[in-house]
Amino acid sequence: MELPKWTVPALQGAAAGAVTLAIAGFNWGGWVTGGTASKMIKDASNTAVAAALTPHCLARSAADPEVITIMATLDKASTWKKRSIIEKSGWATPLGTNKPSWELAEACLKELEKDT
């Protein structure tokens, strides 16, 4: 059985169109891979949890007897060390966990700096 003459150019055109569509979709159409989508979801959920727990962090800081010392240390610290000070204070450790959340520490620090 012999294929019609138009079959090869049609298949080449379809392949070129598929490649062009994929390039346009991933570059300008907003398409993402499954891994990228998972990372975006994780980042968004971490940000939302940090925003929800920021009042808890502020309440813990207000109730801490060492708040004056820690806030003085924060004022003197360089920008890149401030988050670790919040983490070490325990204010950014969510309930039921043993380690601090860096997203929560960032959000808490931002709110603490607004108040000063």
PDB file of N, CA and C in Angstrom:
ATOM      1  N   MET A   1       0.833  -1.170   0.000  1.00  0.00           N
ATOM      2  CA  MET A   1       0.000   0.000   0.000  1.00  0.00           C
ATOM      3  C   MET A   1       0.885   1.242   0.000  1.00  0.00           C
ATOM      4  N   GLU A   2       0.555   2.146  -0.840  1.00  0.00           N
ATOM      5  CA  GLU A   2       1.320   3.378  -0.984  1.00  0.00           C
ATOM      6  C   GLU A   2       0.527   4.546  -0.389  1.00  0.00           C
ATOM      7  N   LEU A   3       1.239   5.399   0.389  1.00  0.00           N
ATOM      8  CA  LEU A   3       0.597   6.558   1.008  1.00  0.00           C
ATOM      9  C   LEU A   3       0.466   7.678  -0.013  1.00  0.00           C
ATOM     10  N   PRO A   4      -0.539   8.534   0.149  1.00  0.00           N
ATOM     11  CA  PRO A   4      -0.676   9.679  -0.756  1.00  0.00           C
ATOM     12  C   PRO A   4       0.524  10.627  -0.609  1.00  0.00           C
ATOM     13  N   LYS A   5       0.771  11.399  -1.673  1.00  0.00           N
ATOM     14  CA  LYS A   5       1.921  12.314  -1.687  1.00  0.00           C
ATOM     15  C   LYS A   5       1.824  13.388  -0.602  1.00  0.00           C
ATOM     16  N   TRP A   6       0.663  13.762  -0.205  1.00  0.00           N
ATOM     17  CA  TRP A   6       0.495  14.840   0.765  1.00  0.00           C
ATOM     18  C   TRP A   6       0.740  14.387   2.210  1.00  0.00           C
ATOM     19  N   THR A   7       0.887  13.094   2.477  1.00  0.00           N
ATOM     20  CA  THR A   7       1.026  12.574   3.837  1.00  0.00           C
ATOM     21  C   THR A   7       2.302  13.067   4.526  1.00  0.00           C
ATOM     22  N   VAL A   8       3.429  12.984   3.846  1.00  0.00           N
ATOM     23  CA  VAL A   8       4.714  13.388   4.454  1.00  0.00           C
ATOM     24  C   VAL A   8       4.719  14.877   4.796  1.00  0.00           C
ATOM     25  N   PRO A   9       4.348  15.793   3.866  1.00  0.00           N
ATOM     26  CA  PRO A   9       4.327  17.209   4.242  1.00  0.00           C
ATOM     27  C   PRO A   9       3.306  17.503   5.350  1.00  0.00           C
ATOM     28  N   ALA A  10       2.180  16.783   5.370  1.00  0.00           N
ATOM     29  CA  ALA A  10       1.187  17.017   6.409  1.00  0.00           C
ATOM     30  C   ALA A  10       1.727  16.608   7.784  1.00  0.00           C
ATOM     31  N   LEU A  11       2.397  15.479   7.851  1.00  0.00           N
ATOM     32  CA  LEU A  11       2.973  15.024   9.116  1.00  0.00           C
ATOM     33  C   LEU A  11       4.107  15.946   9.577  1.00  0.00           C
ATOM     34  N   GLN A  12       4.916  16.435   8.643  1.00  0.00           N
ATOM     35  CA  GLN A  12       5.977  17.377   8.986  1.00  0.00           C
ATOM     36  C   GLN A  12       5.379  18.682   9.511  1.00  0.00           C
ATOM     37  N   GLY A  13       4.317  19.148   8.883  1.00  0.00           N
ATOM     38  CA  GLY A  13       3.648  20.371   9.351  1.00  0.00           C
ATOM     39  C   GLY A  13       3.040  20.192  10.732  1.00  0.00           C
ATOM     40  N   ALA A  14       2.436  19.024  10.968  1.00  0.00           N
ATOM     41  CA  ALA A  14       1.848  18.751  12.279  1.00  0.00           C
ATOM     42  C   ALA A  14       2.935  18.710  13.358  1.00  0.00           C
ATOM     43  N   ALA A  15       4.058  18.093  13.061  1.00  0.00           N
ATOM     44  CA  ALA A  15       5.159  18.023  14.028  1.00  0.00           C
ATOM     45  C   ALA A  15       5.721  19.411  14.314  1.00  0.00           C
ATOM     46  N   ALA A  16       5.925  20.207  13.253  1.00  0.00           N
ATOM     47  CA  ALA A  16       6.437  21.568  13.440  1.00  0.00           C
ATOM     48  C   ALA A  16       5.440  22.405  14.240  1.00  0.00           C
ATOM     49  N   GLY A  17       4.160  22.237  13.980  1.00  0.00           N
ATOM     50  CA  GLY A  17       3.137  22.966  14.728  1.00  0.00           C
ATOM     51  C   GLY A  17       3.112  22.567  16.189  1.00  0.00           C
ATOM     52  N   ALA A  18       3.269  21.280  16.477  1.00  0.00           N
ATOM     53  CA  ALA A  18       3.279  20.809  17.858  1.00  0.00           C
ATOM     54  C   ALA A  18       4.473  21.375  18.621  1.00  0.00           C
ATOM     55  N   VAL A  19       5.636  21.383  17.986  1.00  0.00           N
ATOM     56  CA  VAL A  19       6.835  21.935  18.627  1.00  0.00           C
ATOM     57  C   VAL A  19       6.653  23.431  18.877  1.00  0.00           C
ATOM     58  N   THR A  20       6.139  24.138  17.888  1.00  0.00           N
ATOM     59  CA  THR A  20       5.916  25.582  18.028  1.00  0.00           C
ATOM     60  C   THR A  20       4.908  25.867  19.137  1.00  0.00           C
ATOM     61  N   LEU A  21       3.835  25.095  19.195  1.00  0.00           N
ATOM     62  CA  LEU A  21       2.821  25.267  20.223  1.00  0.00           C
ATOM     63  C   LEU A  21       3.406  25.012  21.613  1.00  0.00           C
ATOM     64  N   ALA A  22       4.234  23.981  21.759  1.00  0.00           N
ATOM     65  CA  ALA A  22       4.853  23.685  23.051  1.00  0.00           C
ATOM     66  C   ALA A  22       5.791  24.803  23.484  1.00  0.00           C
ATOM     67  N   ILE A  23       6.589  25.299  22.553  1.00  0.00           N
ATOM     68  CA  ILE A  23       7.511  26.397  22.879  1.00  0.00           C
ATOM     69  C   ILE A  23       6.735  27.637  23.305  1.00  0.00           C
ATOM     70  N   ALA A  24       5.724  27.997  22.527  1.00  0.00           N
ATOM     71  CA  ALA A  24       4.916  29.177  22.859  1.00  0.00           C
ATOM     72  C   ALA A  24       4.177  28.980  24.186  1.00  0.00           C
ATOM     73  N   GLY A  25       3.648  27.802  24.420  1.00  0.00           N
ATOM     74  CA  GLY A  25       2.897  27.548  25.651  1.00  0.00           C
ATOM     75  C   GLY A  25       3.750  27.635  26.899  1.00  0.00           C
ATOM     76  N   PHE A  26       4.946  27.049  26.868  1.00  0.00           N
ATOM     77  CA  PHE A  26       5.807  27.076  28.053  1.00  0.00           C
ATOM     78  C   PHE A  26       6.479  28.426  28.256  1.00  0.00           C
ATOM     79  N   ASN A  27       6.765  29.146  27.159  1.00  0.00           N
ATOM     80  CA  ASN A  27       7.434  30.435  27.305  1.00  0.00           C
ATOM     81  C   ASN A  27       6.472  31.584  27.573  1.00  0.00           C
ATOM     82  N   TRP A  28       5.338  31.620  26.885  1.00  0.00           N
ATOM     83  CA  TRP A  28       4.455  32.772  26.993  1.00  0.00           C
ATOM     84  C   TRP A  28       3.044  32.413  27.436  1.00  0.00           C
ATOM     85  N   GLY A  29       2.674  31.158  27.375  1.00  0.00           N
ATOM     86  CA  GLY A  29       1.304  30.759  27.679  1.00  0.00           C
ATOM     87  C   GLY A  29       1.038  30.425  29.129  1.00  0.00           C
ATOM     88  N   GLY A  30       2.061  30.413  29.951  1.00  0.00           N
ATOM     89  CA  GLY A  30       1.864  30.127  31.367  1.00  0.00           C
ATOM     90  C   GLY A  30       1.838  28.652  31.708  1.00  0.00           C
ATOM     91  N   TRP A  31       2.198  27.797  30.781  1.00  0.00           N
ATOM     92  CA  TRP A  31       2.233  26.373  31.078  1.00  0.00           C
ATOM     93  C   TRP A  31       3.407  26.085  32.000  1.00  0.00           C
ATOM     94  N   VAL A  32       3.244  25.143  32.893  1.00  0.00           N
ATOM     95  CA  VAL A  32       4.331  24.715  33.777  1.00  0.00           C
ATOM     96  C   VAL A  32       4.319  23.199  33.876  1.00  0.00           C
ATOM     97  N   THR A  33       5.443  22.651  34.277  1.00  0.00           N
ATOM     98  CA  THR A  33       5.534  21.209  34.477  1.00  0.00           C
ATOM     99  C   THR A  33       4.924  20.853  35.833  1.00  0.00           C
ATOM    100  N   GLY A  34       4.729  19.583  36.061  1.00  0.00           N
ATOM    101  CA  GLY A  34       4.181  19.131  37.332  1.00  0.00           C
ATOM    102  C   GLY A  34       5.070  19.490  38.509  1.00  0.00           C
ATOM    103  N   GLY A  35       6.375  19.406  38.329  1.00  0.00           N
ATOM    104  CA  GLY A  35       7.312  19.755  39.396  1.00  0.00           C
ATOM    105  C   GLY A  35       7.246  21.232  39.747  1.00  0.00           C
ATOM    106  N   THR A  36       7.152  22.072  38.738  1.00  0.00           N
ATOM    107  CA  THR A  36       7.049  23.515  38.976  1.00  0.00           C
ATOM    108  C   THR A  36       5.739  23.846  39.677  1.00  0.00           C
ATOM    109  N   ALA A  37       4.655  23.204  39.259  1.00  0.00           N
ATOM    110  CA  ALA A  37       3.357  23.436  39.901  1.00  0.00           C
ATOM    111  C   ALA A  37       3.401  23.016  41.365  1.00  0.00           C
ATOM    112  N   SER A  38       4.033  21.889  41.658  1.00  0.00           N
ATOM    113  CA  SER A  38       4.148  21.436  43.047  1.00  0.00           C
ATOM    114  C   SER A  38       4.941  22.425  43.888  1.00  0.00           C
ATOM    115  N   LYS A  39       6.029  22.955  43.328  1.00  0.00           N
ATOM    116  CA  LYS A  39       6.841  23.936  44.051  1.00  0.00           C
ATOM    117  C   LYS A  39       6.037  25.207  44.298  1.00  0.00           C
ATOM    118  N   MET A  40       5.270  25.643  43.301  1.00  0.00           N
ATOM    119  CA  MET A  40       4.451  26.840  43.459  1.00  0.00           C
ATOM    120  C   MET A  40       3.399  26.644  44.551  1.00  0.00           C
ATOM    121  N   ILE A  41       2.797  25.470  44.595  1.00  0.00           N
ATOM    122  CA  ILE A  41       1.790  25.177  45.614  1.00  0.00           C
ATOM    123  C   ILE A  41       2.414  25.163  47.003  1.00  0.00           C
ATOM    124  N   LYS A  42       3.585  24.538  47.117  1.00  0.00           N
ATOM    125  CA  LYS A  42       4.268  24.470  48.411  1.00  0.00           C
ATOM    126  C   LYS A  42       4.638  25.868  48.900  1.00  0.00           C
ATOM    127  N   ASP A  43       5.180  26.685  48.012  1.00  0.00           N
ATOM    128  CA  ASP A  43       5.556  28.045  48.390  1.00  0.00           C
ATOM    129  C   ASP A  43       4.339  28.858  48.821  1.00  0.00           C
ATOM    130  N   ALA A  44       3.243  28.730  48.073  1.00  0.00           N
ATOM    131  CA  ALA A  44       2.031  29.476  48.409  1.00  0.00           C
ATOM    132  C   ALA A  44       1.456  29.031  49.751  1.00  0.00           C
ATOM    133  N   SER A  45       1.483  27.735  50.011  1.00  0.00           N
ATOM    134  CA  SER A  45       0.933  27.249  51.284  1.00  0.00           C
ATOM    135  C   SER A  45       1.818  27.675  52.452  1.00  0.00           C
ATOM    136  N   ASN A  46       3.135  27.664  52.273  1.00  0.00           N
ATOM    137  CA  ASN A  46       4.033  28.122  53.338  1.00  0.00           C
ATOM    138  C   ASN A  46       3.802  29.594  53.653  1.00  0.00           C
ATOM    139  N   THR A  47       3.597  30.393  52.617  1.00  0.00           N
ATOM    140  CA  THR A  47       3.334  31.815  52.806  1.00  0.00           C
ATOM    141  C   THR A  47       2.011  32.027  53.532  1.00  0.00           C
ATOM    142  N   ALA A  48       0.994  31.248  53.154  1.00  0.00           N
ATOM    143  CA  ALA A  48      -0.316  31.381  53.800  1.00  0.00           C
ATOM    144  C   ALA A  48      -0.251  30.961  55.268  1.00  0.00           C
ATOM    145  N   VAL A  49       0.463  29.897  55.555  1.00  0.00           N
ATOM    146  CA  VAL A  49       0.602  29.438  56.949  1.00  0.00           C
ATOM    147  C   VAL A  49       1.347  30.486  57.760  1.00  0.00           C
ATOM    148  N   ALA A  50       2.393  31.056  57.198  1.00  0.00           N
ATOM    149  CA  ALA A  50       3.151  32.090  57.910  1.00  0.00           C
ATOM    150  C   ALA A  50       2.267  33.302  58.194  1.00  0.00           C
ATOM    151  N   ALA A  51       1.452  33.686  57.218  1.00  0.00           N
ATOM    152  CA  ALA A  51       0.556  34.829  57.429  1.00  0.00           C
ATOM    153  C   ALA A  51      -0.467  34.526  58.518  1.00  0.00           C
ATOM    154  N   ALA A  52      -0.959  33.296  58.547  1.00  0.00           N
ATOM    155  CA  ALA A  52      -1.955  32.925  59.553  1.00  0.00           C
ATOM    156  C   ALA A  52      -1.349  32.839  60.949  1.00  0.00           C
ATOM    157  N   LEU A  53      -0.086  32.453  61.040  1.00  0.00           N
ATOM    158  CA  LEU A  53       0.552  32.278  62.346  1.00  0.00           C
ATOM    159  C   LEU A  53       1.297  33.523  62.850  1.00  0.00           C
ATOM    160  N   THR A  54       1.361  34.563  62.053  1.00  0.00           N
ATOM    161  CA  THR A  54       2.061  35.773  62.477  1.00  0.00           C
ATOM    162  C   THR A  54       1.487  36.354  63.772  1.00  0.00           C
ATOM    163  N   PRO A  55       0.159  36.412  63.941  1.00  0.00           N
ATOM    164  CA  PRO A  55      -0.352  36.916  65.224  1.00  0.00           C
ATOM    165  C   PRO A  55       0.112  36.069  66.419  1.00  0.00           C
ATOM    166  N   HIS A  56       0.231  34.761  66.217  1.00  0.00           N
ATOM    167  CA  HIS A  56       0.732  33.881  67.279  1.00  0.00           C
ATOM    168  C   HIS A  56       2.185  34.253  67.623  1.00  0.00           C
ATOM    169  N   CYS A  57       2.979  34.504  66.613  1.00  0.00           N
ATOM    170  CA  CYS A  57       4.379  34.884  66.825  1.00  0.00           C
ATOM    171  C   CYS A  57       4.455  36.208  67.588  1.00  0.00           C
ATOM    172  N   LEU A  58       3.621  37.156  67.211  1.00  0.00           N
ATOM    173  CA  LEU A  58       3.619  38.449  67.893  1.00  0.00           C
ATOM    174  C   LEU A  58       3.163  38.303  69.340  1.00  0.00           C
ATOM    175  N   ALA A  59       2.190  37.445  69.581  1.00  0.00           N
ATOM    176  CA  ALA A  59       1.725  37.214  70.952  1.00  0.00           C
ATOM    177  C   ALA A  59       2.815  36.547  71.790  1.00  0.00           C
ATOM    178  N   ARG A  60       3.534  35.596  71.183  1.00  0.00           N
ATOM    179  CA  ARG A  60       4.630  34.947  71.910  1.00  0.00           C
ATOM    180  C   ARG A  60       5.730  35.946  72.238  1.00  0.00           C
ATOM    181  N   SER A  61       5.990  36.863  71.299  1.00  0.00           N
ATOM    182  CA  SER A  61       7.035  37.854  71.567  1.00  0.00           C
ATOM    183  C   SER A  61       6.613  38.793  72.694  1.00  0.00           C
ATOM    184  N   ALA A  62       5.340  39.167  72.704  1.00  0.00           N
ATOM    185  CA  ALA A  62       4.859  40.072  73.757  1.00  0.00           C
ATOM    186  C   ALA A  62       4.869  39.395  75.132  1.00  0.00           C
ATOM    187  N   ALA A  63       4.649  38.091  75.169  1.00  0.00           N
ATOM    188  CA  ALA A  63       4.602  37.367  76.439  1.00  0.00           C
ATOM    189  C   ALA A  63       5.977  36.916  76.927  1.00  0.00           C
ATOM    190  N   ASP A  64       6.985  37.025  76.080  1.00  0.00           N
ATOM    191  CA  ASP A  64       8.321  36.555  76.446  1.00  0.00           C
ATOM    192  C   ASP A  64       8.966  37.527  77.433  1.00  0.00           C
ATOM    193  N   PRO A  65       9.450  37.038  78.574  1.00  0.00           N
ATOM    194  CA  PRO A  65      10.096  37.930  79.543  1.00  0.00           C
ATOM    195  C   PRO A  65      11.410  38.523  79.021  1.00  0.00           C
ATOM    196  N   GLU A  66      11.985  37.908  77.991  1.00  0.00           N
ATOM    197  CA  GLU A  66      13.244  38.393  77.421  1.00  0.00           C
ATOM    198  C   GLU A  66      13.024  39.328  76.231  1.00  0.00           C
ATOM    199  N   VAL A  67      11.787  39.793  76.026  1.00  0.00           N
ATOM    200  CA  VAL A  67      11.465  40.565  74.836  1.00  0.00           C
ATOM    201  C   VAL A  67      12.331  41.819  74.701  1.00  0.00           C
ATOM    202  N   ILE A  68      12.614  42.492  75.776  1.00  0.00           N
ATOM    203  CA  ILE A  68      13.406  43.729  75.706  1.00  0.00           C
ATOM    204  C   ILE A  68      14.821  43.425  75.237  1.00  0.00           C
ATOM    205  N   THR A  69      15.409  42.379  75.767  1.00  0.00           N
ATOM    206  CA  THR A  69      16.763  41.987  75.370  1.00  0.00           C
ATOM    207  C   THR A  69      16.807  41.549  73.916  1.00  0.00           C
ATOM    208  N   ILE A  70      15.835  40.746  73.527  1.00  0.00           N
ATOM    209  CA  ILE A  70      15.812  40.237  72.146  1.00  0.00           C
ATOM    210  C   ILE A  70      15.581  41.379  71.156  1.00  0.00           C
ATOM    211  N   MET A  71      14.679  42.294  71.490  1.00  0.00           N
ATOM    212  CA  MET A  71      14.413  43.418  70.590  1.00  0.00           C
ATOM    213  C   MET A  71      15.640  44.329  70.483  1.00  0.00           C
ATOM    214  N   ALA A  72      16.376  44.497  71.584  1.00  0.00           N
ATOM    215  CA  ALA A  72      17.604  45.298  71.532  1.00  0.00           C
ATOM    216  C   ALA A  72      18.633  44.605  70.647  1.00  0.00           C
ATOM    217  N   THR A  73      18.712  43.280  70.741  1.00  0.00           N
ATOM    218  CA  THR A  73      19.628  42.516  69.884  1.00  0.00           C
ATOM    219  C   THR A  73      19.222  42.646  68.426  1.00  0.00           C
ATOM    220  N   LEU A  74      17.917  42.622  68.168  1.00  0.00           N
ATOM    221  CA  LEU A  74      17.423  42.781  66.788  1.00  0.00           C
ATOM    222  C   LEU A  74      17.787  44.147  66.225  1.00  0.00           C
ATOM    223  N   ASP A  75      17.651  45.180  67.048  1.00  0.00           N
ATOM    224  CA  ASP A  75      17.965  46.533  66.580  1.00  0.00           C
ATOM    225  C   ASP A  75      19.428  46.680  66.195  1.00  0.00           C
ATOM    226  N   LYS A  76      20.308  45.993  66.909  1.00  0.00           N
ATOM    227  CA  LYS A  76      21.742  46.100  66.651  1.00  0.00           C
ATOM    228  C   LYS A  76      22.218  45.148  65.561  1.00  0.00           C
ATOM    229  N   ALA A  77      21.440  44.107  65.272  1.00  0.00           N
ATOM    230  CA  ALA A  77      21.869  43.061  64.337  1.00  0.00           C
ATOM    231  C   ALA A  77      21.804  43.542  62.890  1.00  0.00           C
ATOM    232  N   SER A  78      22.644  42.935  62.068  1.00  0.00           N
ATOM    233  CA  SER A  78      22.585  43.215  60.638  1.00  0.00           C
ATOM    234  C   SER A  78      21.345  42.538  60.059  1.00  0.00           C
ATOM    235  N   THR A  79      20.934  42.992  58.913  1.00  0.00           N
ATOM    236  CA  THR A  79      19.692  42.522  58.295  1.00  0.00           C
ATOM    237  C   THR A  79      19.665  41.013  58.124  1.00  0.00           C
ATOM    238  N   TRP A  80      20.748  40.425  57.706  1.00  0.00           N
ATOM    239  CA  TRP A  80      20.752  38.991  57.408  1.00  0.00           C
ATOM    240  C   TRP A  80      20.780  38.123  58.656  1.00  0.00           C
ATOM    241  N   LYS A  81      21.039  38.697  59.839  1.00  0.00           N
ATOM    242  CA  LYS A  81      21.047  37.914  61.074  1.00  0.00           C
ATOM    243  C   LYS A  81      19.734  38.005  61.845  1.00  0.00           C
ATOM    244  N   LYS A  82      18.876  38.937  61.476  1.00  0.00           N
ATOM    245  CA  LYS A  82      17.662  39.178  62.247  1.00  0.00           C
ATOM    246  C   LYS A  82      16.732  37.974  62.256  1.00  0.00           C
ATOM    247  N   ARG A  83      16.570  37.311  61.122  1.00  0.00           N
ATOM    248  CA  ARG A  83      15.670  36.166  61.073  1.00  0.00           C
ATOM    249  C   ARG A  83      16.138  35.065  62.016  1.00  0.00           C
ATOM    250  N   SER A  84      17.442  34.821  62.057  1.00  0.00           N
ATOM    251  CA  SER A  84      17.943  33.763  62.935  1.00  0.00           C
ATOM    252  C   SER A  84      17.734  34.120  64.413  1.00  0.00           C
ATOM    253  N   ILE A  85      17.750  35.390  64.745  1.00  0.00           N
ATOM    254  CA  ILE A  85      17.482  35.802  66.132  1.00  0.00           C
ATOM    255  C   ILE A  85      16.032  35.480  66.496  1.00  0.00           C
ATOM    256  N   ILE A  86      15.111  35.768  65.573  1.00  0.00           N
ATOM    257  CA  ILE A  86      13.695  35.449  65.800  1.00  0.00           C
ATOM    258  C   ILE A  86      13.523  33.930  65.936  1.00  0.00           C
ATOM    259  N   GLU A  87      14.210  33.180  65.072  1.00  0.00           N
ATOM    260  CA  GLU A  87      14.100  31.718  65.126  1.00  0.00           C
ATOM    261  C   GLU A  87      14.637  31.181  66.458  1.00  0.00           C
ATOM    262  N   LYS A  88      15.781  31.683  66.911  1.00  0.00           N
ATOM    263  CA  LYS A  88      16.379  31.216  68.157  1.00  0.00           C
ATOM    264  C   LYS A  88      15.548  31.595  69.379  1.00  0.00           C
ATOM    265  N   SER A  89      14.802  32.679  69.276  1.00  0.00           N
ATOM    266  CA  SER A  89      13.967  33.101  70.413  1.00  0.00           C
ATOM    267  C   SER A  89      12.804  32.147  70.640  1.00  0.00           C
ATOM    268  N   GLY A  90      12.453  31.366  69.609  1.00  0.00           N
ATOM    269  CA  GLY A  90      11.332  30.437  69.732  1.00  0.00           C
ATOM    270  C   GLY A  90      10.008  31.030  69.297  1.00  0.00           C
ATOM    271  N   TRP A  91       9.993  32.292  68.952  1.00  0.00           N
ATOM    272  CA  TRP A  91       8.755  32.947  68.562  1.00  0.00           C
ATOM    273  C   TRP A  91       8.215  32.410  67.237  1.00  0.00           C
ATOM    274  N   ALA A  92       9.101  31.941  66.373  1.00  0.00           N
ATOM    275  CA  ALA A  92       8.694  31.479  65.044  1.00  0.00           C
ATOM    276  C   ALA A  92       8.550  29.967  64.967  1.00  0.00           C
ATOM    277  N   THR A  93       8.421  29.320  66.106  1.00  0.00           N
ATOM    278  CA  THR A  93       8.215  27.876  66.119  1.00  0.00           C
ATOM    279  C   THR A  93       6.717  27.614  66.245  1.00  0.00           C
ATOM    280  N   PRO A  94       6.089  27.097  65.189  1.00  0.00           N
ATOM    281  CA  PRO A  94       4.645  26.840  65.251  1.00  0.00           C
ATOM    282  C   PRO A  94       4.319  25.797  66.320  1.00  0.00           C
ATOM    283  N   LEU A  95       3.105  25.871  66.828  1.00  0.00           N
ATOM    284  CA  LEU A  95       2.654  24.909  67.834  1.00  0.00           C
ATOM    285  C   LEU A  95       2.724  23.499  67.271  1.00  0.00           C
ATOM    286  N   GLY A  96       3.190  22.567  68.066  1.00  0.00           N
ATOM    287  CA  GLY A  96       3.256  21.176  67.664  1.00  0.00           C
ATOM    288  C   GLY A  96       4.486  20.811  66.856  1.00  0.00           C
ATOM    289  N   THR A  97       5.398  21.744  66.669  1.00  0.00           N
ATOM    290  CA  THR A  97       6.635  21.443  65.949  1.00  0.00           C
ATOM    291  C   THR A  97       7.822  21.746  66.836  1.00  0.00           C
ATOM    292  N   ASN A  98       8.969  21.227  66.433  1.00  0.00           N
ATOM    293  CA  ASN A  98      10.187  21.442  67.209  1.00  0.00           C
ATOM    294  C   ASN A  98      11.147  22.408  66.563  1.00  0.00           C
ATOM    295  N   LYS A  99      10.911  22.735  65.301  1.00  0.00           N
ATOM    296  CA  LYS A  99      11.848  23.647  64.638  1.00  0.00           C
ATOM    297  C   LYS A  99      11.115  24.863  64.102  1.00  0.00           C
ATOM    298  N   PRO A 100      11.795  25.994  64.067  1.00  0.00           N
ATOM    299  CA  PRO A 100      11.146  27.217  63.613  1.00  0.00           C
ATOM    300  C   PRO A 100      10.916  27.219  62.103  1.00  0.00           C
ATOM    301  N   SER A 101       9.954  28.005  61.701  1.00  0.00           N
ATOM    302  CA  SER A 101       9.634  28.192  60.285  1.00  0.00           C
ATOM    303  C   SER A 101      10.288  29.482  59.825  1.00  0.00           C
ATOM    304  N   TRP A 102      11.115  29.400  58.788  1.00  0.00           N
ATOM    305  CA  TRP A 102      11.786  30.627  58.337  1.00  0.00           C
ATOM    306  C   TRP A 102      10.789  31.587  57.712  1.00  0.00           C
ATOM    307  N   GLU A 103       9.716  31.067  57.086  1.00  0.00           N
ATOM    308  CA  GLU A 103       8.699  31.954  56.522  1.00  0.00           C
ATOM    309  C   GLU A 103       7.989  32.724  57.635  1.00  0.00           C
ATOM    310  N   LEU A 104       7.687  32.021  58.716  1.00  0.00           N
ATOM    311  CA  LEU A 104       7.041  32.660  59.851  1.00  0.00           C
ATOM    312  C   LEU A 104       7.981  33.670  60.494  1.00  0.00           C
ATOM    313  N   ALA A 105       9.251  33.330  60.591  1.00  0.00           N
ATOM    314  CA  ALA A 105      10.225  34.267  61.159  1.00  0.00           C
ATOM    315  C   ALA A 105      10.303  35.542  60.332  1.00  0.00           C
ATOM    316  N   GLU A 106      10.287  35.404  59.015  1.00  0.00           N
ATOM    317  CA  GLU A 106      10.313  36.582  58.133  1.00  0.00           C
ATOM    318  C   GLU A 106       9.066  37.437  58.327  1.00  0.00           C
ATOM    319  N   ALA A 107       7.893  36.790  58.349  1.00  0.00           N
ATOM    320  CA  ALA A 107       6.638  37.528  58.511  1.00  0.00           C
ATOM    321  C   ALA A 107       6.575  38.209  59.872  1.00  0.00           C
ATOM    322  N   CYS A 108       7.018  37.503  60.901  1.00  0.00           N
ATOM    323  CA  CYS A 108       7.010  38.060  62.252  1.00  0.00           C
ATOM    324  C   CYS A 108       7.969  39.247  62.356  1.00  0.00           C
ATOM    325  N   LEU A 109       9.135  39.079  61.771  1.00  0.00           N
ATOM    326  CA  LEU A 109      10.120  40.160  61.790  1.00  0.00           C
ATOM    327  C   LEU A 109       9.579  41.397  61.096  1.00  0.00           C
ATOM    328  N   LYS A 110       8.916  41.203  59.977  1.00  0.00           N
ATOM    329  CA  LYS A 110       8.338  42.333  59.238  1.00  0.00           C
ATOM    330  C   LYS A 110       7.321  43.073  60.103  1.00  0.00           C
ATOM    331  N   GLU A 111       6.478  42.320  60.821  1.00  0.00           N
ATOM    332  CA  GLU A 111       5.472  42.936  61.684  1.00  0.00           C
ATOM    333  C   GLU A 111       6.119  43.606  62.892  1.00  0.00           C
ATOM    334  N   LEU A 112       7.138  42.986  63.467  1.00  0.00           N
ATOM    335  CA  LEU A 112       7.827  43.589  64.604  1.00  0.00           C
ATOM    336  C   LEU A 112       8.507  44.888  64.212  1.00  0.00           C
ATOM    337  N   GLU A 113       9.058  44.938  63.018  1.00  0.00           N
ATOM    338  CA  GLU A 113       9.735  46.145  62.564  1.00  0.00           C
ATOM    339  C   GLU A 113       8.738  47.256  62.246  1.00  0.00           C
ATOM    340  N   LYS A 114       7.489  46.917  61.919  1.00  0.00           N
ATOM    341  CA  LYS A 114       6.455  47.927  61.695  1.00  0.00           C
ATOM    342  C   LYS A 114       6.136  48.643  62.992  1.00  0.00           C
ATOM    343  N   ASP A 115       6.135  47.887  64.086  1.00  0.00           N
ATOM    344  CA  ASP A 115       5.754  48.444  65.379  1.00  0.00           C
ATOM    345  C   ASP A 115       6.808  49.387  65.953  1.00  0.00           C
ATOM    346  N   THR A 116       8.054  49.233  65.496  1.00  0.00           N
ATOM    347  CA  THR A 116       9.120  50.076  66.091  1.00  0.00           C
ATOM    348  C   THR A 116       9.310  51.342  65.320  1.00  0.00           C
TER     349      THR A 116
END
